[in-house]
PDB file of N, CA and C in Angstrom:
ATOM      1  N   UNK A   1      32.478 110.691  46.050  1.00  0.00           N
ATOM      2  CA  UNK A   1      31.862 110.796  44.737  1.00  0.00           C
ATOM      3  C   UNK A   1      32.865 111.035  43.659  1.00  0.00           C
ATOM      4  N   UNK A   2      33.888 111.866  43.998  1.00  0.00           N
ATOM      5  CA  UNK A   2      34.866 112.194  43.003  1.00  0.00           C
ATOM      6  C   UNK A   2      35.724 110.908  42.689  1.00  0.00           C
ATOM      7  N   UNK A   3      36.010 110.167  43.729  1.00  0.00           N
ATOM      8  CA  UNK A   3      36.801 108.896  43.582  1.00  0.00           C
ATOM      9  C   UNK A   3      36.030 107.966  42.687  1.00  0.00           C
ATOM     10  N   UNK A   4      34.742 107.809  42.898  1.00  0.00           N
ATOM     11  CA  UNK A   4      33.940 106.858  42.084  1.00  0.00           C
ATOM     12  C   UNK A   4      33.970 107.311  40.624  1.00  0.00           C
ATOM     13  N   UNK A   5      33.787 108.599  40.363  1.00  0.00           N
ATOM     14  CA  UNK A   5      33.825 109.087  38.951  1.00  0.00           C
ATOM     15  C   UNK A   5      35.193 108.854  38.291  1.00  0.00           C
ATOM     16  N   UNK A   6      36.225 109.102  39.055  1.00  0.00           N
ATOM     17  CA  UNK A   6      37.596 108.881  38.475  1.00  0.00           C
ATOM     18  C   UNK A   6      37.802 107.384  38.189  1.00  0.00           C
ATOM     19  N   UNK A   7      37.355 106.538  39.092  1.00  0.00           N
ATOM     20  CA  UNK A   7      37.483 105.129  38.917  1.00  0.00           C
ATOM     21  C   UNK A   7      36.712 104.652  37.634  1.00  0.00           C
ATOM     22  N   UNK A   8      35.449 105.125  37.491  1.00  0.00           N
ATOM     23  CA  UNK A   8      34.705 104.822  36.303  1.00  0.00           C
ATOM     24  C   UNK A   8      35.322 105.363  35.022  1.00  0.00           C
ATOM     25  N   UNK A   9      35.900 106.585  35.135  1.00  0.00           N
ATOM     26  CA  UNK A   9      36.612 107.114  34.002  1.00  0.00           C
ATOM     27  C   UNK A   9      37.784 106.308  33.550  1.00  0.00           C
ATOM     28  N   UNK A  10      38.569 105.760  34.504  1.00  0.00           N
ATOM     29  CA  UNK A  10      39.683 104.895  34.152  1.00  0.00           C
ATOM     30  C   UNK A  10      39.215 103.609  33.536  1.00  0.00           C
ATOM     31  N   UNK A  11      38.151 103.034  34.076  1.00  0.00           N
ATOM     32  CA  UNK A  11      37.608 101.771  33.530  1.00  0.00           C
ATOM     33  C   UNK A  11      37.072 101.973  32.110  1.00  0.00           C
ATOM     34  N   UNK A  12      36.359 103.075  31.877  1.00  0.00           N
ATOM     35  CA  UNK A  12      35.818 103.324  30.531  1.00  0.00           C
ATOM     36  C   UNK A  12      36.946 103.650  29.577  1.00  0.00           C
ATOM     37  N   UNK A  13      38.010 104.303  30.026  1.00  0.00           N
ATOM     38  CA  UNK A  13      39.133 104.630  29.147  1.00  0.00           C
ATOM     39  C   UNK A  13      39.838 103.364  28.721  1.00  0.00           C
ATOM     40  N   UNK A  14      40.097 102.458  29.637  1.00  0.00           N
ATOM     41  CA  UNK A  14      40.720 101.190  29.290  1.00  0.00           C
ATOM     42  C   UNK A  14      39.831 100.386  28.339  1.00  0.00           C
ATOM     43  N   UNK A  15      38.549 100.359  28.627  1.00  0.00           N
ATOM     44  CA  UNK A  15      37.620  99.628  27.774  1.00  0.00           C
ATOM     45  C   UNK A  15      37.579 100.203  26.342  1.00  0.00           C
ATOM     46  N   UNK A  16      37.608 101.530  26.248  1.00  0.00           N
ATOM     47  CA  UNK A  16      37.656 102.186  24.966  1.00  0.00           C
ATOM     48  C   UNK A  16      38.918 101.854  24.142  1.00  0.00           C
ATOM     49  N   UNK A  17      40.013 101.822  24.788  1.00  0.00           N
ATOM     50  CA  UNK A  17      41.273 101.506  24.168  1.00  0.00           C
ATOM     51  C   UNK A  17      41.218 100.028  23.628  1.00  0.00           C
ATOM     52  N   UNK A  18      40.693  99.130  24.475  1.00  0.00           N
ATOM     53  CA  UNK A  18      40.689  97.697  24.058  1.00  0.00           C
ATOM     54  C   UNK A  18      39.719  97.505  22.900  1.00  0.00           C
ATOM     55  N   UNK A  19      38.532  98.166  22.973  1.00  0.00           N
ATOM     56  CA  UNK A  19      37.560  97.975  21.906  1.00  0.00           C
ATOM     57  C   UNK A  19      38.066  98.530  20.568  1.00  0.00           C
ATOM     58  N   UNK A  20      38.706  99.671  20.629  1.00  0.00           N
ATOM     59  CA  UNK A  20      39.291 100.221  19.363  1.00  0.00           C
ATOM     60  C   UNK A  20      40.354  99.344  18.816  1.00  0.00           C
ATOM     61  N   UNK A  21      41.246  98.758  19.646  1.00  0.00           N
ATOM     62  CA  UNK A  21      42.242  97.839  19.181  1.00  0.00           C
ATOM     63  C   UNK A  21      41.712  96.556  18.642  1.00  0.00           C
ATOM     64  N   UNK A  22      40.542  96.107  19.097  1.00  0.00           N
ATOM     65  CA  UNK A  22      39.943  94.908  18.575  1.00  0.00           C
ATOM     66  C   UNK A  22      39.266  95.049  17.165  1.00  0.00           C
ATOM     67  N   UNK A  23      39.016  96.248  16.807  1.00  0.00           N
ATOM     68  CA  UNK A  23      38.347  96.482  15.492  1.00  0.00           C
ATOM     69  C   UNK A  23      39.298  96.224  14.391  1.00  0.00           C
ATOM     70  N   UNK A  24      38.752  95.740  13.269  1.00  0.00           N
ATOM     71  CA  UNK A  24      39.542  95.463  12.111  1.00  0.00           C
ATOM     72  C   UNK A  24      39.825  96.797  11.368  1.00  0.00           C
ATOM     73  N   UNK A  25      40.980  96.875  10.693  1.00  0.00           N
ATOM     74  CA  UNK A  25      41.328  98.016   9.944  1.00  0.00           C
ATOM     75  C   UNK A  25      40.487  98.261   8.759  1.00  0.00           C
ATOM     76  N   UNK A  26      40.311  99.460   8.298  1.00  0.00           N
ATOM     77  CA  UNK A  26      39.532  99.762   7.089  1.00  0.00           C
ATOM     78  C   UNK A  26      40.239  99.359   5.771  1.00  0.00           C
ATOM     79  N   UNK A  27      41.560  99.374   5.844  1.00  0.00           N
ATOM     80  CA  UNK A  27      42.322  98.990   4.641  1.00  0.00           C
ATOM     81  C   UNK A  27      43.625  98.306   5.130  1.00  0.00           C
ATOM     82  N   UNK A  28      44.120  97.472   4.223  1.00  0.00           N
ATOM     83  CA  UNK A  28      45.333  96.718   4.620  1.00  0.00           C
ATOM     84  C   UNK A  28      46.380  96.917   3.570  1.00  0.00           C
ATOM     85  N   UNK A  29      47.452  97.575   3.866  1.00  0.00           N
ATOM     86  CA  UNK A  29      48.608  97.738   3.001  1.00  0.00           C
ATOM     87  C   UNK A  29      48.306  98.657   1.857  1.00  0.00           C
ATOM     88  N   UNK A  30      49.125  98.580   0.798  1.00  0.00           N
ATOM     89  CA  UNK A  30      49.037  99.446  -0.331  1.00  0.00           C
ATOM     90  C   UNK A  30      47.774  99.208  -1.137  1.00  0.00           C
ATOM     91  N   UNK A  31      47.387  97.945  -1.257  1.00  0.00           N
ATOM     92  CA  UNK A  31      46.181  97.704  -2.038  1.00  0.00           C
ATOM     93  C   UNK A  31      44.953  98.271  -1.371  1.00  0.00           C
ATOM     94  N   UNK A  32      44.943  98.287  -0.095  1.00  0.00           N
ATOM     95  CA  UNK A  32      43.833  98.904   0.650  1.00  0.00           C
ATOM     96  C   UNK A  32      43.822 100.398   0.457  1.00  0.00           C
ATOM     97  N   UNK A  33      44.992 101.030   0.363  1.00  0.00           N
ATOM     98  CA  UNK A  33      45.057 102.460   0.132  1.00  0.00           C
ATOM     99  C   UNK A  33      44.541 102.831  -1.251  1.00  0.00           C
ATOM    100  N   UNK A  34      44.751 102.001  -2.227  1.00  0.00           N
ATOM    101  CA  UNK A  34      44.272 102.231  -3.581  1.00  0.00           C
ATOM    102  C   UNK A  34      42.787 102.089  -3.648  1.00  0.00           C
ATOM    103  N   UNK A  35      42.271 100.962  -3.078  1.00  0.00           N
ATOM    104  CA  UNK A  35      40.837 100.685  -3.187  1.00  0.00           C
ATOM    105  C   UNK A  35      40.084 101.506  -2.169  1.00  0.00           C
ATOM    106  N   UNK A  36      40.706 102.100  -1.194  1.00  0.00           N
ATOM    107  CA  UNK A  36      39.946 102.858  -0.168  1.00  0.00           C
ATOM    108  C   UNK A  36      39.227 104.033  -0.794  1.00  0.00           C
ATOM    109  N   UNK A  37      39.754 104.698  -1.771  1.00  0.00           N
ATOM    110  CA  UNK A  37      39.048 105.803  -2.395  1.00  0.00           C
ATOM    111  C   UNK A  37      37.838 105.357  -3.133  1.00  0.00           C
ATOM    112  N   UNK A  38      37.873 104.212  -3.810  1.00  0.00           N
ATOM    113  CA  UNK A  38      36.715 103.691  -4.500  1.00  0.00           C
ATOM    114  C   UNK A  38      35.607 103.309  -3.538  1.00  0.00           C
ATOM    115  N   UNK A  39      35.943 102.743  -2.366  1.00  0.00           N
ATOM    116  CA  UNK A  39      34.972 102.364  -1.460  1.00  0.00           C
ATOM    117  C   UNK A  39      34.267 103.607  -0.882  1.00  0.00           C
ATOM    118  N   UNK A  40      34.980 104.694  -0.703  1.00  0.00           N
ATOM    119  CA  UNK A  40      34.355 105.892  -0.225  1.00  0.00           C
ATOM    120  C   UNK A  40      33.452 106.518  -1.293  1.00  0.00           C
ATOM    121  N   UNK A  41      33.880 106.473  -2.538  1.00  0.00           N
ATOM    122  CA  UNK A  41      33.157 107.048  -3.605  1.00  0.00           C
ATOM    123  C   UNK A  41      31.789 106.261  -3.866  1.00  0.00           C
ATOM    124  N   UNK A  42      31.918 104.943  -3.999  1.00  0.00           N
ATOM    125  CA  UNK A  42      30.830 104.115  -4.357  1.00  0.00           C
ATOM    126  C   UNK A  42      30.049 103.582  -3.193  1.00  0.00           C
ATOM    127  N   UNK A  43      30.609 103.775  -1.970  1.00  0.00           N
ATOM    128  CA  UNK A  43      29.936 103.292  -0.785  1.00  0.00           C
ATOM    129  C   UNK A  43      30.276 101.809  -0.519  1.00  0.00           C
ATOM    130  N   UNK A  44      30.109 101.417   0.672  1.00  0.00           N
ATOM    131  CA  UNK A  44      30.410 100.010   1.064  1.00  0.00           C
ATOM    132  C   UNK A  44      29.205  99.541   1.899  1.00  0.00           C
ATOM    133  N   UNK A  45      28.922  98.271   1.878  1.00  0.00           N
ATOM    134  CA  UNK A  45      27.827  97.750   2.655  1.00  0.00           C
ATOM    135  C   UNK A  45      28.100  97.976   4.097  1.00  0.00           C
ATOM    136  N   UNK A  46      27.030  98.073   4.881  1.00  0.00           N
ATOM    137  CA  UNK A  46      27.156  98.371   6.298  1.00  0.00           C
ATOM    138  C   UNK A  46      27.900  97.192   6.957  1.00  0.00           C
ATOM    139  N   UNK A  47      28.580  97.514   7.996  1.00  0.00           N
ATOM    140  CA  UNK A  47      29.366  96.479   8.699  1.00  0.00           C
ATOM    141  C   UNK A  47      28.358  95.486   9.337  1.00  0.00           C
ATOM    142  N   UNK A  48      28.711  94.280   9.308  1.00  0.00           N
ATOM    143  CA  UNK A  48      27.848  93.174   9.839  1.00  0.00           C
ATOM    144  C   UNK A  48      28.596  92.431  10.890  1.00  0.00           C
ATOM    145  N   UNK A  49      27.837  91.832  11.786  1.00  0.00           N
ATOM    146  CA  UNK A  49      28.394  90.913  12.730  1.00  0.00           C
ATOM    147  C   UNK A  49      29.201  91.634  13.758  1.00  0.00           C
ATOM    148  N   UNK A  50      30.379  91.077  14.044  1.00  0.00           N
ATOM    149  CA  UNK A  50      31.241  91.540  15.162  1.00  0.00           C
ATOM    150  C   UNK A  50      31.639  93.041  14.923  1.00  0.00           C
ATOM    151  N   UNK A  51      31.911  93.448  13.704  1.00  0.00           N
ATOM    152  CA  UNK A  51      32.292  94.811  13.455  1.00  0.00           C
ATOM    153  C   UNK A  51      31.253  95.798  13.849  1.00  0.00           C
ATOM    154  N   UNK A  52      29.984  95.447  13.556  1.00  0.00           N
ATOM    155  CA  UNK A  52      28.879  96.346  13.913  1.00  0.00           C
ATOM    156  C   UNK A  52      28.748  96.452  15.443  1.00  0.00           C
ATOM    157  N   UNK A  53      28.869  95.335  16.115  1.00  0.00           N
ATOM    158  CA  UNK A  53      28.794  95.337  17.585  1.00  0.00           C
ATOM    159  C   UNK A  53      29.900  96.181  18.191  1.00  0.00           C
ATOM    160  N   UNK A  54      31.129  95.979  17.685  1.00  0.00           N
ATOM    161  CA  UNK A  54      32.254  96.711  18.227  1.00  0.00           C
ATOM    162  C   UNK A  54      32.126  98.241  17.958  1.00  0.00           C
ATOM    163  N   UNK A  55      31.549  98.560  16.808  1.00  0.00           N
ATOM    164  CA  UNK A  55      31.287  99.994  16.505  1.00  0.00           C
ATOM    165  C   UNK A  55      30.327 100.601  17.448  1.00  0.00           C
ATOM    166  N   UNK A  56      29.231  99.925  17.783  1.00  0.00           N
ATOM    167  CA  UNK A  56      28.246 100.449  18.713  1.00  0.00           C
ATOM    168  C   UNK A  56      28.798 100.588  20.097  1.00  0.00           C
ATOM    169  N   UNK A  57      29.582  99.604  20.542  1.00  0.00           N
ATOM    170  CA  UNK A  57      30.217  99.641  21.876  1.00  0.00           C
ATOM    171  C   UNK A  57      31.206 100.820  21.911  1.00  0.00           C
ATOM    172  N   UNK A  58      31.903 101.097  20.831  1.00  0.00           N
ATOM    173  CA  UNK A  58      32.858 102.224  20.739  1.00  0.00           C
ATOM    174  C   UNK A  58      32.120 103.546  20.930  1.00  0.00           C
ATOM    175  N   UNK A  59      30.958 103.708  20.215  1.00  0.00           N
ATOM    176  CA  UNK A  59      30.181 104.929  20.392  1.00  0.00           C
ATOM    177  C   UNK A  59      29.726 105.113  21.785  1.00  0.00           C
ATOM    178  N   UNK A  60      29.250 104.055  22.451  1.00  0.00           N
ATOM    179  CA  UNK A  60      28.693 104.163  23.743  1.00  0.00           C
ATOM    180  C   UNK A  60      29.835 104.521  24.765  1.00  0.00           C
ATOM    181  N   UNK A  61      30.979 103.841  24.621  1.00  0.00           N
ATOM    182  CA  UNK A  61      32.079 104.117  25.521  1.00  0.00           C
ATOM    183  C   UNK A  61      32.667 105.561  25.311  1.00  0.00           C
ATOM    184  N   UNK A  62      32.673 106.030  24.034  1.00  0.00           N
ATOM    185  CA  UNK A  62      33.145 107.373  23.767  1.00  0.00           C
ATOM    186  C   UNK A  62      32.245 108.415  24.427  1.00  0.00           C
ATOM    187  N   UNK A  63      30.946 108.187  24.347  1.00  0.00           N
ATOM    188  CA  UNK A  63      30.009 109.162  24.951  1.00  0.00           C
ATOM    189  C   UNK A  63      30.184 109.123  26.481  1.00  0.00           C
ATOM    190  N   UNK A  64      30.290 107.926  27.055  1.00  0.00           N
ATOM    191  CA  UNK A  64      30.530 107.793  28.509  1.00  0.00           C
ATOM    192  C   UNK A  64      31.832 108.499  28.906  1.00  0.00           C
ATOM    193  N   UNK A  65      32.859 108.362  28.074  1.00  0.00           N
ATOM    194  CA  UNK A  65      34.117 108.969  28.393  1.00  0.00           C
ATOM    195  C   UNK A  65      33.983 110.517  28.472  1.00  0.00           C
ATOM    196  N   UNK A  66      33.303 111.132  27.465  1.00  0.00           N
ATOM    197  CA  UNK A  66      33.126 112.556  27.494  1.00  0.00           C
ATOM    198  C   UNK A  66      32.298 113.007  28.662  1.00  0.00           C
ATOM    199  N   UNK A  67      31.206 112.257  28.954  1.00  0.00           N
ATOM    200  CA  UNK A  67      30.344 112.659  30.064  1.00  0.00           C
ATOM    201  C   UNK A  67      31.109 112.568  31.344  1.00  0.00           C
ATOM    202  N   UNK A  68      31.832 111.490  31.576  1.00  0.00           N
ATOM    203  CA  UNK A  68      32.588 111.323  32.818  1.00  0.00           C
ATOM    204  C   UNK A  68      33.737 112.312  32.952  1.00  0.00           C
ATOM    205  N   UNK A  69      34.339 112.680  31.820  1.00  0.00           N
ATOM    206  CA  UNK A  69      35.404 113.681  31.842  1.00  0.00           C
ATOM    207  C   UNK A  69      34.850 115.009  32.273  1.00  0.00           C
ATOM    208  N   UNK A  70      33.740 115.401  31.735  1.00  0.00           N
ATOM    209  CA  UNK A  70      33.104 116.665  32.142  1.00  0.00           C
ATOM    210  C   UNK A  70      32.697 116.614  33.547  1.00  0.00           C
ATOM    211  N   UNK A  71      32.142 115.505  34.003  1.00  0.00           N
ATOM    212  CA  UNK A  71      31.655 115.366  35.453  1.00  0.00           C
ATOM    213  C   UNK A  71      32.872 115.456  36.394  1.00  0.00           C
ATOM    214  N   UNK A  72      33.950 114.823  36.071  1.00  0.00           N
ATOM    215  CA  UNK A  72      35.130 114.900  36.963  1.00  0.00           C
ATOM    216  C   UNK A  72      35.646 116.288  37.012  1.00  0.00           C
ATOM    217  N   UNK A  73      35.740 116.975  35.840  1.00  0.00           N
ATOM    218  CA  UNK A  73      36.171 118.340  35.881  1.00  0.00           C
ATOM    219  C   UNK A  73      35.254 119.259  36.684  1.00  0.00           C
ATOM    220  N   UNK A  74      33.969 119.056  36.531  1.00  0.00           N
ATOM    221  CA  UNK A  74      33.004 119.827  37.264  1.00  0.00           C
ATOM    222  C   UNK A  74      33.094 119.612  38.767  1.00  0.00           C
ATOM    223  N   UNK A  75      33.364 118.399  39.178  1.00  0.00           N
ATOM    224  CA  UNK A  75      33.416 118.067  40.620  1.00  0.00           C
ATOM    225  C   UNK A  75      34.709 118.647  41.266  1.00  0.00           C
ATOM    226  N   UNK A  76      35.731 118.921  40.489  1.00  0.00           N
ATOM    227  CA  UNK A  76      36.914 119.498  41.011  1.00  0.00           C
ATOM    228  C   UNK A  76      36.780 120.951  41.334  1.00  0.00           C
ATOM    229  N   UNK A  77      35.861 121.608  40.731  1.00  0.00           N
ATOM    230  CA  UNK A  77      35.638 123.075  40.952  1.00  0.00           C
ATOM    231  C   UNK A  77      35.078 123.376  42.258  1.00  0.00           C
TER     232      UNK A  77
END
């Protein structure tokens, strides 16, 4: 059981890394740094398309990562 949980944890970890790297950055270069404050102040439209899907997958994988990490730690005791 412990081996299965560790294997799932490694797979989820790699998946989380890949999904985060696939997401587009919030700002690009110096111009993005200047306009970034205005976007936070006035709000920005919700992400659409691929960015929204990647964001949801990131949340799911992050929750799985934390649950599996706690489970692996609990199984070692």
